[in-house]
């Protein structure tokens, strides 16, 4: 929901940084892979209750996630790069709740609920993207993407915000997880209704 307002703020510095990297040997895919590893390590840090380190790794992951796309757009995006970027995102989105599940016994049920809601929301997003590609549908409402980006109530900005709040206040994690799981479920319903309209 907030991604479209955040994008104009974060894209200029990402473009400038990508411009500095464009002539070097570093590829967008390499940045994606490093970012995914950093995201996975954030989950490990949470599982070890090293929440300050987890916060740093979450921020680094998001920087890498934005930078790979900016560099790809300057060098020329590829389908595999778009695929790899999506896989890297889901590594990160799975690692954080999983880390909380290992951090404390009381976090297991809310972490499982949050993961299930991510699965529901993610499947509503990716299934639509596959069918949109089949029908030749496209949009740049959320910026240039490798596939159709169907918006929703819970998007990247909201997810990162709740992850940051959760590592700053891990004692709030159960309430955060259950509350955001509801928002993800509503997002899946919203996308279902949009898909029904667009795929008729």
N, C-alpha and C. Protein backbone atom coordinates (compact mmCIF):
# COMPACT_ATOMS: atom_id res chain seq x y z
N UNK A 1 0.82 -1.20 0.00
CA UNK A 1 0.00 0.00 0.00
C UNK A 1 0.86 1.27 0.00
N UNK A 2 1.98 1.22 0.76
CA UNK A 2 2.84 2.40 0.88
C UNK A 2 3.99 2.40 -0.12
N UNK A 3 4.17 1.30 -0.85
CA UNK A 3 5.32 1.21 -1.76
C UNK A 3 5.37 2.34 -2.78
N UNK A 4 4.21 2.71 -3.31
CA UNK A 4 4.19 3.73 -4.38
C UNK A 4 4.63 5.09 -3.87
N UNK A 5 4.46 5.33 -2.55
CA UNK A 5 4.91 6.61 -1.99
C UNK A 5 6.37 6.55 -1.53
N UNK A 6 6.84 5.37 -1.19
CA UNK A 6 8.23 5.23 -0.78
C UNK A 6 9.19 5.24 -1.96
N UNK A 7 8.72 4.74 -3.10
CA UNK A 7 9.60 4.59 -4.27
C UNK A 7 10.27 5.89 -4.69
N UNK A 8 9.54 7.02 -4.81
CA UNK A 8 10.22 8.26 -5.22
C UNK A 8 11.30 8.72 -4.24
N UNK A 9 11.22 8.27 -2.99
CA UNK A 9 12.21 8.67 -1.99
C UNK A 9 13.48 7.83 -2.07
N UNK A 10 13.32 6.55 -2.37
CA UNK A 10 14.48 5.66 -2.32
C UNK A 10 15.14 5.44 -3.68
N UNK A 11 14.42 5.71 -4.77
CA UNK A 11 15.00 5.42 -6.08
C UNK A 11 16.18 6.33 -6.46
N UNK A 12 16.13 7.66 -6.18
CA UNK A 12 17.28 8.50 -6.58
C UNK A 12 18.62 8.05 -6.00
N UNK A 13 18.73 7.79 -4.67
CA UNK A 13 20.04 7.32 -4.18
C UNK A 13 20.43 5.95 -4.72
N UNK A 14 19.44 5.08 -4.96
CA UNK A 14 19.76 3.77 -5.52
C UNK A 14 20.27 3.91 -6.94
N UNK A 15 19.65 4.79 -7.75
CA UNK A 15 20.12 5.01 -9.12
C UNK A 15 21.53 5.57 -9.13
N UNK A 16 21.80 6.50 -8.21
CA UNK A 16 23.14 7.10 -8.15
C UNK A 16 24.19 6.05 -7.78
N UNK A 17 23.88 5.21 -6.81
CA UNK A 17 24.82 4.15 -6.41
C UNK A 17 25.01 3.14 -7.53
N UNK A 18 23.91 2.77 -8.19
CA UNK A 18 24.01 1.83 -9.30
C UNK A 18 24.85 2.41 -10.43
N UNK A 19 24.77 3.72 -10.63
CA UNK A 19 25.59 4.37 -11.66
C UNK A 19 27.07 4.22 -11.38
N UNK A 20 27.43 4.26 -10.11
CA UNK A 20 28.84 4.08 -9.73
C UNK A 20 29.30 2.64 -9.95
N UNK A 21 28.37 1.69 -9.83
CA UNK A 21 28.71 0.28 -9.95
C UNK A 21 28.60 -0.24 -11.38
N UNK A 22 27.91 0.52 -12.24
CA UNK A 22 27.57 0.02 -13.57
C UNK A 22 28.79 -0.34 -14.41
N UNK A 23 29.90 0.35 -14.23
CA UNK A 23 31.09 0.07 -15.02
C UNK A 23 31.99 -0.97 -14.42
N UNK A 24 31.64 -1.49 -13.25
CA UNK A 24 32.48 -2.45 -12.56
C UNK A 24 32.08 -3.88 -12.81
N UNK A 25 32.77 -4.83 -12.15
CA UNK A 25 32.52 -6.25 -12.41
C UNK A 25 31.31 -6.81 -11.66
N UNK A 26 30.81 -6.09 -10.66
CA UNK A 26 29.71 -6.60 -9.85
C UNK A 26 28.43 -6.64 -10.66
N UNK A 27 27.75 -7.78 -10.63
CA UNK A 27 26.50 -7.93 -11.38
C UNK A 27 25.29 -7.77 -10.47
N UNK A 28 24.15 -7.49 -11.08
CA UNK A 28 22.91 -7.38 -10.31
C UNK A 28 22.57 -8.71 -9.65
N UNK A 29 22.81 -9.82 -10.34
CA UNK A 29 22.51 -11.13 -9.77
C UNK A 29 23.38 -11.43 -8.55
N UNK A 30 24.63 -11.01 -8.60
CA UNK A 30 25.51 -11.21 -7.45
C UNK A 30 25.01 -10.42 -6.25
N UNK A 31 24.56 -9.20 -6.49
CA UNK A 31 24.00 -8.38 -5.40
C UNK A 31 22.76 -9.06 -4.83
N UNK A 32 21.91 -9.62 -5.69
CA UNK A 32 20.71 -10.33 -5.24
C UNK A 32 21.08 -11.49 -4.34
N UNK A 33 22.06 -12.28 -4.74
CA UNK A 33 22.46 -13.46 -3.96
C UNK A 33 23.03 -13.05 -2.61
N UNK A 34 23.91 -12.04 -2.60
CA UNK A 34 24.48 -11.56 -1.34
C UNK A 34 23.36 -11.03 -0.44
N UNK A 35 22.43 -10.31 -1.03
CA UNK A 35 21.31 -9.79 -0.24
C UNK A 35 20.49 -10.90 0.37
N UNK A 36 20.25 -11.98 -0.38
CA UNK A 36 19.48 -13.12 0.16
C UNK A 36 20.23 -13.78 1.32
N UNK A 37 21.54 -13.91 1.18
CA UNK A 37 22.34 -14.49 2.27
C UNK A 37 22.26 -13.61 3.51
N UNK A 38 22.34 -12.30 3.32
CA UNK A 38 22.22 -11.37 4.44
C UNK A 38 20.85 -11.50 5.10
N UNK A 39 19.80 -11.63 4.28
CA UNK A 39 18.46 -11.81 4.83
C UNK A 39 18.34 -13.08 5.65
N UNK A 40 18.93 -14.18 5.14
CA UNK A 40 18.92 -15.43 5.90
C UNK A 40 19.67 -15.29 7.22
N UNK A 41 20.79 -14.57 7.19
CA UNK A 41 21.57 -14.36 8.41
C UNK A 41 20.81 -13.50 9.42
N UNK A 42 19.95 -12.60 8.92
CA UNK A 42 19.10 -11.82 9.83
C UNK A 42 18.20 -12.75 10.62
N UNK A 43 17.66 -13.78 9.95
CA UNK A 43 16.84 -14.77 10.64
C UNK A 43 17.64 -15.54 11.68
N UNK A 44 18.88 -15.89 11.34
CA UNK A 44 19.74 -16.58 12.30
C UNK A 44 20.02 -15.70 13.51
N UNK A 45 20.26 -14.42 13.26
CA UNK A 45 20.51 -13.48 14.36
C UNK A 45 19.30 -13.38 15.28
N UNK A 46 18.11 -13.35 14.70
CA UNK A 46 16.89 -13.30 15.51
C UNK A 46 16.76 -14.57 16.33
N UNK A 47 16.99 -15.72 15.70
CA UNK A 47 16.91 -16.98 16.42
C UNK A 47 17.87 -17.06 17.58
N UNK A 48 18.99 -16.32 17.48
CA UNK A 48 19.99 -16.26 18.56
C UNK A 48 19.72 -15.11 19.52
N UNK A 49 18.61 -14.42 19.31
CA UNK A 49 18.20 -13.26 20.11
C UNK A 49 19.21 -12.12 20.05
N UNK A 50 19.87 -12.00 18.93
CA UNK A 50 20.80 -10.88 18.71
C UNK A 50 20.06 -9.86 17.84
N UNK A 51 19.15 -9.17 18.48
CA UNK A 51 18.20 -8.33 17.74
C UNK A 51 18.84 -7.08 17.14
N UNK A 52 19.84 -6.53 17.79
CA UNK A 52 20.54 -5.38 17.22
C UNK A 52 21.23 -5.74 15.92
N UNK A 53 21.90 -6.89 15.90
CA UNK A 53 22.55 -7.37 14.67
C UNK A 53 21.50 -7.65 13.61
N UNK A 54 20.37 -8.23 14.02
CA UNK A 54 19.30 -8.52 13.07
C UNK A 54 18.79 -7.25 12.41
N UNK A 55 18.65 -6.19 13.18
CA UNK A 55 18.19 -4.91 12.62
C UNK A 55 19.14 -4.42 11.54
N UNK A 56 20.44 -4.48 11.82
CA UNK A 56 21.44 -4.06 10.84
C UNK A 56 21.36 -4.90 9.57
N UNK A 57 21.20 -6.21 9.74
CA UNK A 57 21.14 -7.11 8.58
C UNK A 57 19.87 -6.90 7.77
N UNK A 58 18.75 -6.61 8.44
CA UNK A 58 17.50 -6.32 7.73
C UNK A 58 17.67 -5.08 6.85
N UNK A 59 18.27 -4.04 7.42
CA UNK A 59 18.48 -2.81 6.65
C UNK A 59 19.41 -3.06 5.47
N UNK A 60 20.50 -3.81 5.71
CA UNK A 60 21.42 -4.13 4.61
C UNK A 60 20.72 -4.95 3.53
N UNK A 61 19.90 -5.89 3.92
CA UNK A 61 19.17 -6.70 2.94
C UNK A 61 18.30 -5.84 2.05
N UNK A 62 17.62 -4.87 2.65
CA UNK A 62 16.74 -4.02 1.86
C UNK A 62 17.52 -3.11 0.92
N UNK A 63 18.70 -2.66 1.36
CA UNK A 63 19.55 -1.85 0.47
C UNK A 63 19.98 -2.68 -0.73
N UNK A 64 20.43 -3.91 -0.48
CA UNK A 64 20.85 -4.78 -1.57
C UNK A 64 19.67 -5.10 -2.48
N UNK A 65 18.49 -5.29 -1.89
CA UNK A 65 17.31 -5.62 -2.69
C UNK A 65 16.93 -4.49 -3.63
N UNK A 66 17.10 -3.26 -3.19
CA UNK A 66 16.82 -2.13 -4.07
C UNK A 66 17.93 -1.90 -5.08
N UNK A 67 19.16 -2.16 -4.66
CA UNK A 67 20.31 -1.87 -5.52
C UNK A 67 20.41 -2.82 -6.70
N UNK A 68 20.02 -4.09 -6.49
CA UNK A 68 20.14 -5.03 -7.61
C UNK A 68 19.22 -4.63 -8.77
N UNK A 69 18.01 -4.19 -8.43
CA UNK A 69 17.09 -3.75 -9.48
C UNK A 69 17.56 -2.50 -10.18
N UNK A 70 18.11 -1.55 -9.40
CA UNK A 70 18.60 -0.31 -10.00
C UNK A 70 19.76 -0.58 -10.95
N UNK A 71 20.65 -1.49 -10.55
CA UNK A 71 21.78 -1.84 -11.42
C UNK A 71 21.30 -2.59 -12.66
N UNK A 72 20.33 -3.49 -12.48
CA UNK A 72 19.80 -4.24 -13.62
C UNK A 72 19.15 -3.32 -14.63
N UNK A 73 18.45 -2.30 -14.16
CA UNK A 73 17.80 -1.37 -15.10
C UNK A 73 18.82 -0.57 -15.89
N UNK A 74 19.99 -0.32 -15.31
CA UNK A 74 21.02 0.43 -16.03
C UNK A 74 21.75 -0.45 -17.03
N UNK A 75 21.95 -1.72 -16.69
CA UNK A 75 22.69 -2.62 -17.58
C UNK A 75 21.77 -3.38 -18.53
N UNK A 76 20.50 -3.40 -18.22
CA UNK A 76 19.54 -4.17 -19.01
C UNK A 76 19.03 -5.36 -18.22
N UNK A 77 17.77 -5.32 -17.78
CA UNK A 77 17.24 -6.41 -16.96
C UNK A 77 17.10 -7.70 -17.75
N UNK A 78 17.15 -8.82 -17.04
CA UNK A 78 16.95 -10.14 -17.65
C UNK A 78 15.83 -10.86 -16.91
N UNK A 79 15.21 -11.82 -17.59
CA UNK A 79 14.15 -12.59 -16.96
C UNK A 79 14.67 -13.38 -15.76
N UNK A 80 15.88 -13.96 -15.93
CA UNK A 80 16.43 -14.73 -14.81
C UNK A 80 16.72 -13.83 -13.61
N UNK A 81 17.18 -12.61 -13.88
CA UNK A 81 17.43 -11.67 -12.79
C UNK A 81 16.16 -11.35 -12.03
N UNK A 82 15.05 -11.15 -12.76
CA UNK A 82 13.77 -10.90 -12.10
C UNK A 82 13.32 -12.09 -11.27
N UNK A 83 13.54 -13.30 -11.81
CA UNK A 83 13.20 -14.52 -11.09
C UNK A 83 14.04 -14.64 -9.82
N UNK A 84 15.34 -14.42 -9.95
CA UNK A 84 16.25 -14.53 -8.81
C UNK A 84 15.91 -13.51 -7.73
N UNK A 85 15.54 -12.32 -8.15
CA UNK A 85 15.16 -11.28 -7.20
C UNK A 85 13.94 -11.71 -6.38
N UNK A 86 12.97 -12.32 -7.04
CA UNK A 86 11.77 -12.78 -6.34
C UNK A 86 12.11 -13.89 -5.35
N UNK A 87 12.95 -14.83 -5.75
CA UNK A 87 13.37 -15.90 -4.85
C UNK A 87 14.09 -15.32 -3.64
N UNK A 88 14.98 -14.35 -3.89
CA UNK A 88 15.70 -13.72 -2.78
C UNK A 88 14.78 -13.03 -1.80
N UNK A 89 13.73 -12.39 -2.32
CA UNK A 89 12.76 -11.74 -1.44
C UNK A 89 12.09 -12.75 -0.53
N UNK A 90 11.72 -13.89 -1.08
CA UNK A 90 11.01 -14.88 -0.27
C UNK A 90 11.93 -15.60 0.71
N UNK A 91 13.22 -15.69 0.40
CA UNK A 91 14.19 -16.17 1.39
C UNK A 91 14.16 -15.26 2.61
N UNK A 92 14.18 -13.98 2.35
CA UNK A 92 14.17 -12.98 3.44
C UNK A 92 12.85 -13.02 4.21
N UNK A 93 11.72 -13.03 3.48
CA UNK A 93 10.42 -13.00 4.14
C UNK A 93 10.17 -14.26 4.98
N UNK A 94 10.77 -15.38 4.59
CA UNK A 94 10.64 -16.60 5.39
C UNK A 94 11.60 -16.61 6.57
N UNK A 95 12.80 -16.05 6.38
CA UNK A 95 13.83 -16.14 7.41
C UNK A 95 13.48 -15.39 8.69
N UNK A 96 12.81 -14.24 8.55
CA UNK A 96 12.55 -13.43 9.74
C UNK A 96 11.54 -14.09 10.67
N UNK A 97 10.35 -14.50 10.20
CA UNK A 97 9.44 -15.22 11.10
C UNK A 97 10.05 -16.52 11.63
N UNK A 98 10.79 -17.24 10.77
CA UNK A 98 11.42 -18.48 11.20
C UNK A 98 12.41 -18.22 12.33
N UNK A 99 13.15 -17.12 12.22
CA UNK A 99 14.06 -16.75 13.29
C UNK A 99 13.34 -16.54 14.61
N UNK A 100 12.21 -15.85 14.56
CA UNK A 100 11.43 -15.64 15.78
C UNK A 100 10.92 -16.96 16.35
N UNK A 101 10.57 -17.91 15.47
CA UNK A 101 10.08 -19.21 15.94
C UNK A 101 11.14 -19.92 16.78
N UNK A 102 12.41 -19.71 16.44
CA UNK A 102 13.50 -20.32 17.20
C UNK A 102 13.93 -19.48 18.40
N UNK A 103 13.56 -18.21 18.40
CA UNK A 103 14.04 -17.31 19.46
C UNK A 103 13.42 -17.61 20.81
N UNK A 104 12.14 -17.99 20.83
CA UNK A 104 11.45 -18.24 22.10
C UNK A 104 10.25 -19.15 21.85
N UNK A 105 9.96 -20.07 22.79
CA UNK A 105 8.82 -20.99 22.59
C UNK A 105 7.50 -20.26 22.39
N UNK A 106 7.30 -19.14 23.06
CA UNK A 106 6.04 -18.40 22.93
C UNK A 106 5.87 -17.76 21.55
N UNK A 107 6.94 -17.71 20.77
CA UNK A 107 6.89 -17.09 19.45
C UNK A 107 6.54 -18.09 18.34
N UNK A 108 6.52 -19.39 18.66
CA UNK A 108 6.37 -20.40 17.62
C UNK A 108 5.04 -20.29 16.89
N UNK A 109 3.94 -20.24 17.64
CA UNK A 109 2.61 -20.19 17.01
C UNK A 109 2.40 -18.91 16.21
N UNK A 110 2.72 -17.72 16.77
CA UNK A 110 2.56 -16.52 15.95
C UNK A 110 3.47 -16.49 14.73
N UNK A 111 4.69 -17.04 14.85
CA UNK A 111 5.59 -17.09 13.69
C UNK A 111 5.01 -18.01 12.61
N UNK A 112 4.46 -19.15 13.01
CA UNK A 112 3.85 -20.06 12.04
C UNK A 112 2.65 -19.41 11.36
N UNK A 113 1.86 -18.68 12.14
CA UNK A 113 0.70 -17.98 11.58
C UNK A 113 1.14 -16.93 10.56
N UNK A 114 2.19 -16.19 10.90
CA UNK A 114 2.70 -15.16 9.99
C UNK A 114 3.24 -15.80 8.71
N UNK A 115 3.98 -16.89 8.84
CA UNK A 115 4.50 -17.58 7.66
C UNK A 115 3.36 -18.08 6.76
N UNK A 116 2.31 -18.62 7.38
CA UNK A 116 1.16 -19.09 6.59
C UNK A 116 0.50 -17.93 5.85
N UNK A 117 0.41 -16.78 6.50
CA UNK A 117 -0.21 -15.62 5.84
C UNK A 117 0.67 -15.12 4.70
N UNK A 118 2.00 -15.20 4.86
CA UNK A 118 2.90 -14.83 3.77
C UNK A 118 2.72 -15.78 2.58
N UNK A 119 2.52 -17.07 2.88
CA UNK A 119 2.30 -18.04 1.81
C UNK A 119 1.02 -17.71 1.05
N UNK A 120 -0.02 -17.38 1.78
CA UNK A 120 -1.30 -17.04 1.16
C UNK A 120 -1.18 -15.78 0.31
N UNK A 121 -0.58 -14.74 0.88
CA UNK A 121 -0.43 -13.47 0.17
C UNK A 121 0.50 -13.63 -1.04
N UNK A 122 1.62 -14.35 -0.84
CA UNK A 122 2.57 -14.55 -1.92
C UNK A 122 1.99 -15.34 -3.08
N UNK A 123 1.20 -16.37 -2.77
CA UNK A 123 0.60 -17.17 -3.84
C UNK A 123 -0.43 -16.36 -4.62
N UNK A 124 -1.17 -15.49 -3.92
CA UNK A 124 -2.15 -14.65 -4.63
C UNK A 124 -1.45 -13.67 -5.56
N UNK A 125 -0.25 -13.28 -5.20
CA UNK A 125 0.55 -12.35 -6.00
C UNK A 125 1.18 -13.05 -7.21
N UNK A 126 1.86 -14.18 -6.95
CA UNK A 126 2.61 -14.85 -8.01
C UNK A 126 1.71 -15.57 -9.00
N UNK A 127 0.61 -16.15 -8.51
CA UNK A 127 -0.31 -16.82 -9.43
C UNK A 127 -0.92 -15.82 -10.40
N UNK A 128 -1.26 -14.63 -9.90
CA UNK A 128 -1.80 -13.62 -10.80
C UNK A 128 -0.74 -13.19 -11.81
N UNK A 129 0.50 -13.01 -11.35
CA UNK A 129 1.57 -12.57 -12.26
C UNK A 129 1.76 -13.56 -13.41
N UNK A 130 1.66 -14.87 -13.11
CA UNK A 130 1.83 -15.87 -14.15
C UNK A 130 0.71 -15.77 -15.19
N UNK A 131 -0.52 -15.60 -14.72
CA UNK A 131 -1.65 -15.52 -15.65
C UNK A 131 -1.67 -14.19 -16.40
N UNK A 132 -1.21 -13.12 -15.73
CA UNK A 132 -1.13 -11.82 -16.41
C UNK A 132 -0.14 -11.89 -17.56
N UNK A 133 0.99 -12.57 -17.34
CA UNK A 133 1.98 -12.73 -18.41
C UNK A 133 1.38 -13.53 -19.57
N UNK A 134 0.62 -14.56 -19.25
CA UNK A 134 -0.01 -15.38 -20.29
C UNK A 134 -0.96 -14.54 -21.15
N UNK A 135 -1.61 -13.59 -20.52
CA UNK A 135 -2.58 -12.76 -21.24
C UNK A 135 -1.96 -11.49 -21.83
N UNK A 136 -0.67 -11.27 -21.56
CA UNK A 136 -0.01 -10.08 -22.09
C UNK A 136 -0.33 -8.82 -21.32
N UNK A 137 -0.79 -8.96 -20.07
CA UNK A 137 -1.09 -7.78 -19.25
C UNK A 137 0.19 -7.21 -18.68
N UNK A 138 0.24 -5.88 -18.52
CA UNK A 138 1.41 -5.24 -17.93
C UNK A 138 1.00 -3.97 -17.21
N UNK A 139 1.85 -3.54 -16.29
CA UNK A 139 1.62 -2.30 -15.58
C UNK A 139 2.95 -1.79 -15.05
N UNK A 140 3.07 -0.46 -14.94
CA UNK A 140 4.23 0.14 -14.30
C UNK A 140 3.78 1.02 -13.14
N UNK A 141 2.60 0.71 -12.59
CA UNK A 141 2.07 1.49 -11.47
C UNK A 141 2.97 1.41 -10.25
N UNK A 142 3.71 0.30 -10.12
CA UNK A 142 4.64 0.13 -9.01
C UNK A 142 6.09 0.23 -9.48
N UNK A 143 6.31 0.89 -10.60
CA UNK A 143 7.64 0.97 -11.19
C UNK A 143 7.84 -0.18 -12.17
N UNK A 144 8.98 -0.18 -12.86
CA UNK A 144 9.28 -1.24 -13.83
C UNK A 144 9.64 -2.52 -13.09
N UNK A 145 8.87 -3.57 -13.35
CA UNK A 145 9.07 -4.86 -12.71
C UNK A 145 9.22 -5.94 -13.78
N UNK A 146 9.75 -7.08 -13.37
CA UNK A 146 9.91 -8.20 -14.30
C UNK A 146 8.59 -8.88 -14.60
N UNK A 147 7.61 -8.71 -13.73
CA UNK A 147 6.29 -9.29 -13.96
C UNK A 147 5.24 -8.38 -13.36
N UNK A 148 3.99 -8.70 -13.63
CA UNK A 148 2.88 -7.85 -13.20
C UNK A 148 2.86 -7.76 -11.67
N UNK A 149 2.96 -6.54 -11.18
CA UNK A 149 3.00 -6.31 -9.73
C UNK A 149 1.62 -5.88 -9.27
N UNK A 150 0.88 -6.83 -8.70
CA UNK A 150 -0.48 -6.56 -8.24
C UNK A 150 -0.41 -5.99 -6.83
N UNK A 151 -0.84 -4.75 -6.67
CA UNK A 151 -0.72 -4.07 -5.37
C UNK A 151 -1.67 -4.69 -4.35
N UNK A 152 -1.46 -4.28 -3.08
CA UNK A 152 -2.31 -4.79 -2.01
C UNK A 152 -2.11 -3.99 -0.74
N UNK A 153 -2.87 -4.32 0.28
CA UNK A 153 -2.76 -3.61 1.56
C UNK A 153 -1.40 -3.83 2.20
N UNK A 154 -0.92 -5.07 2.17
CA UNK A 154 0.37 -5.41 2.78
C UNK A 154 1.39 -5.64 1.67
N UNK A 155 2.32 -4.72 1.54
CA UNK A 155 3.38 -4.83 0.53
C UNK A 155 4.73 -4.78 1.22
N UNK A 156 5.77 -4.51 0.46
CA UNK A 156 7.11 -4.53 1.01
C UNK A 156 7.34 -3.54 2.13
N UNK A 157 6.89 -2.31 1.95
CA UNK A 157 7.14 -1.26 2.96
C UNK A 157 6.52 -1.64 4.29
N UNK A 158 5.28 -2.12 4.27
CA UNK A 158 4.61 -2.50 5.50
C UNK A 158 5.32 -3.69 6.16
N UNK A 159 5.76 -4.63 5.35
CA UNK A 159 6.43 -5.82 5.88
C UNK A 159 7.74 -5.44 6.57
N UNK A 160 8.52 -4.60 5.92
CA UNK A 160 9.79 -4.17 6.52
C UNK A 160 9.54 -3.39 7.80
N UNK A 161 8.52 -2.56 7.80
CA UNK A 161 8.19 -1.78 9.00
C UNK A 161 7.88 -2.68 10.18
N UNK A 162 7.08 -3.73 9.95
CA UNK A 162 6.74 -4.60 11.09
C UNK A 162 7.93 -5.45 11.51
N UNK A 163 8.81 -5.80 10.56
CA UNK A 163 10.03 -6.53 10.94
C UNK A 163 10.91 -5.67 11.83
N UNK A 164 11.05 -4.40 11.46
CA UNK A 164 11.90 -3.50 12.25
C UNK A 164 11.32 -3.29 13.64
N UNK A 165 10.01 -3.07 13.72
CA UNK A 165 9.38 -2.91 15.03
C UNK A 165 9.56 -4.18 15.85
N UNK A 166 9.44 -5.34 15.22
CA UNK A 166 9.54 -6.60 15.94
C UNK A 166 10.93 -6.82 16.52
N UNK A 167 11.99 -6.46 15.79
CA UNK A 167 13.33 -6.65 16.35
C UNK A 167 13.66 -5.58 17.38
N UNK A 168 13.02 -4.41 17.26
CA UNK A 168 13.22 -3.39 18.29
C UNK A 168 12.46 -3.73 19.57
N UNK A 169 11.30 -4.36 19.41
CA UNK A 169 10.49 -4.77 20.55
C UNK A 169 10.05 -6.22 20.39
N UNK A 170 10.98 -7.16 20.57
CA UNK A 170 10.62 -8.57 20.36
C UNK A 170 9.51 -9.05 21.28
N UNK A 171 9.33 -8.40 22.43
CA UNK A 171 8.24 -8.79 23.33
C UNK A 171 6.88 -8.51 22.70
N UNK A 172 6.83 -7.68 21.69
CA UNK A 172 5.59 -7.39 20.98
C UNK A 172 5.34 -8.36 19.82
N UNK A 173 6.27 -9.26 19.56
CA UNK A 173 6.18 -10.06 18.34
C UNK A 173 4.86 -10.80 18.19
N UNK A 174 4.32 -11.47 19.21
CA UNK A 174 3.05 -12.18 18.99
C UNK A 174 1.93 -11.28 18.48
N UNK A 175 1.79 -10.10 19.08
CA UNK A 175 0.73 -9.18 18.65
C UNK A 175 0.99 -8.67 17.24
N UNK A 176 2.27 -8.36 16.94
CA UNK A 176 2.64 -7.90 15.60
C UNK A 176 2.35 -8.99 14.57
N UNK A 177 2.74 -10.23 14.88
CA UNK A 177 2.59 -11.33 13.93
C UNK A 177 1.12 -11.61 13.64
N UNK A 178 0.31 -11.70 14.68
CA UNK A 178 -1.10 -11.99 14.46
C UNK A 178 -1.80 -10.84 13.73
N UNK A 179 -1.46 -9.62 14.11
CA UNK A 179 -2.08 -8.46 13.45
C UNK A 179 -1.72 -8.38 11.99
N UNK A 180 -0.43 -8.60 11.67
CA UNK A 180 -0.02 -8.50 10.27
C UNK A 180 -0.52 -9.69 9.46
N UNK A 181 -0.67 -10.84 10.11
CA UNK A 181 -1.23 -12.00 9.42
C UNK A 181 -2.65 -11.70 8.93
N UNK A 182 -3.42 -11.00 9.75
CA UNK A 182 -4.77 -10.60 9.33
C UNK A 182 -4.69 -9.67 8.13
N UNK A 183 -3.76 -8.71 8.15
CA UNK A 183 -3.60 -7.79 7.04
C UNK A 183 -3.19 -8.53 5.76
N UNK A 184 -2.32 -9.54 5.89
CA UNK A 184 -1.92 -10.33 4.73
C UNK A 184 -3.10 -11.12 4.17
N UNK A 185 -3.94 -11.65 5.05
CA UNK A 185 -5.12 -12.38 4.60
C UNK A 185 -6.07 -11.46 3.85
N UNK A 186 -6.24 -10.25 4.37
CA UNK A 186 -7.09 -9.27 3.69
C UNK A 186 -6.50 -8.89 2.33
N UNK A 187 -5.18 -8.83 2.27
CA UNK A 187 -4.51 -8.53 1.00
C UNK A 187 -4.79 -9.63 -0.03
N UNK A 188 -4.75 -10.88 0.42
CA UNK A 188 -5.05 -11.99 -0.49
C UNK A 188 -6.48 -11.90 -1.01
N UNK A 189 -7.42 -11.53 -0.14
CA UNK A 189 -8.81 -11.37 -0.56
C UNK A 189 -8.92 -10.22 -1.55
N UNK A 190 -8.23 -9.10 -1.26
CA UNK A 190 -8.24 -7.95 -2.16
C UNK A 190 -7.71 -8.34 -3.54
N UNK A 191 -6.62 -9.10 -3.58
CA UNK A 191 -6.05 -9.51 -4.85
C UNK A 191 -6.96 -10.50 -5.58
N UNK A 192 -7.65 -11.33 -4.82
CA UNK A 192 -8.61 -12.25 -5.42
C UNK A 192 -9.70 -11.48 -6.16
N UNK A 193 -10.19 -10.43 -5.53
CA UNK A 193 -11.24 -9.63 -6.15
C UNK A 193 -10.71 -8.88 -7.38
N UNK A 194 -9.48 -8.36 -7.27
CA UNK A 194 -8.87 -7.69 -8.42
C UNK A 194 -8.63 -8.67 -9.56
N UNK A 195 -8.17 -9.86 -9.22
CA UNK A 195 -7.92 -10.88 -10.25
C UNK A 195 -9.23 -11.25 -10.94
N UNK A 196 -10.29 -11.39 -10.17
CA UNK A 196 -11.58 -11.72 -10.77
C UNK A 196 -12.00 -10.66 -11.80
N UNK A 197 -11.67 -9.41 -11.49
CA UNK A 197 -12.02 -8.32 -12.41
C UNK A 197 -11.11 -8.30 -13.64
N UNK A 198 -9.80 -8.47 -13.42
CA UNK A 198 -8.83 -8.31 -14.51
C UNK A 198 -8.70 -9.54 -15.40
N UNK A 199 -9.06 -10.71 -14.88
CA UNK A 199 -8.84 -11.95 -15.63
C UNK A 199 -10.14 -12.51 -16.22
N UNK A 200 -11.17 -11.74 -16.24
CA UNK A 200 -12.43 -12.22 -16.84
C UNK A 200 -12.26 -12.46 -18.33
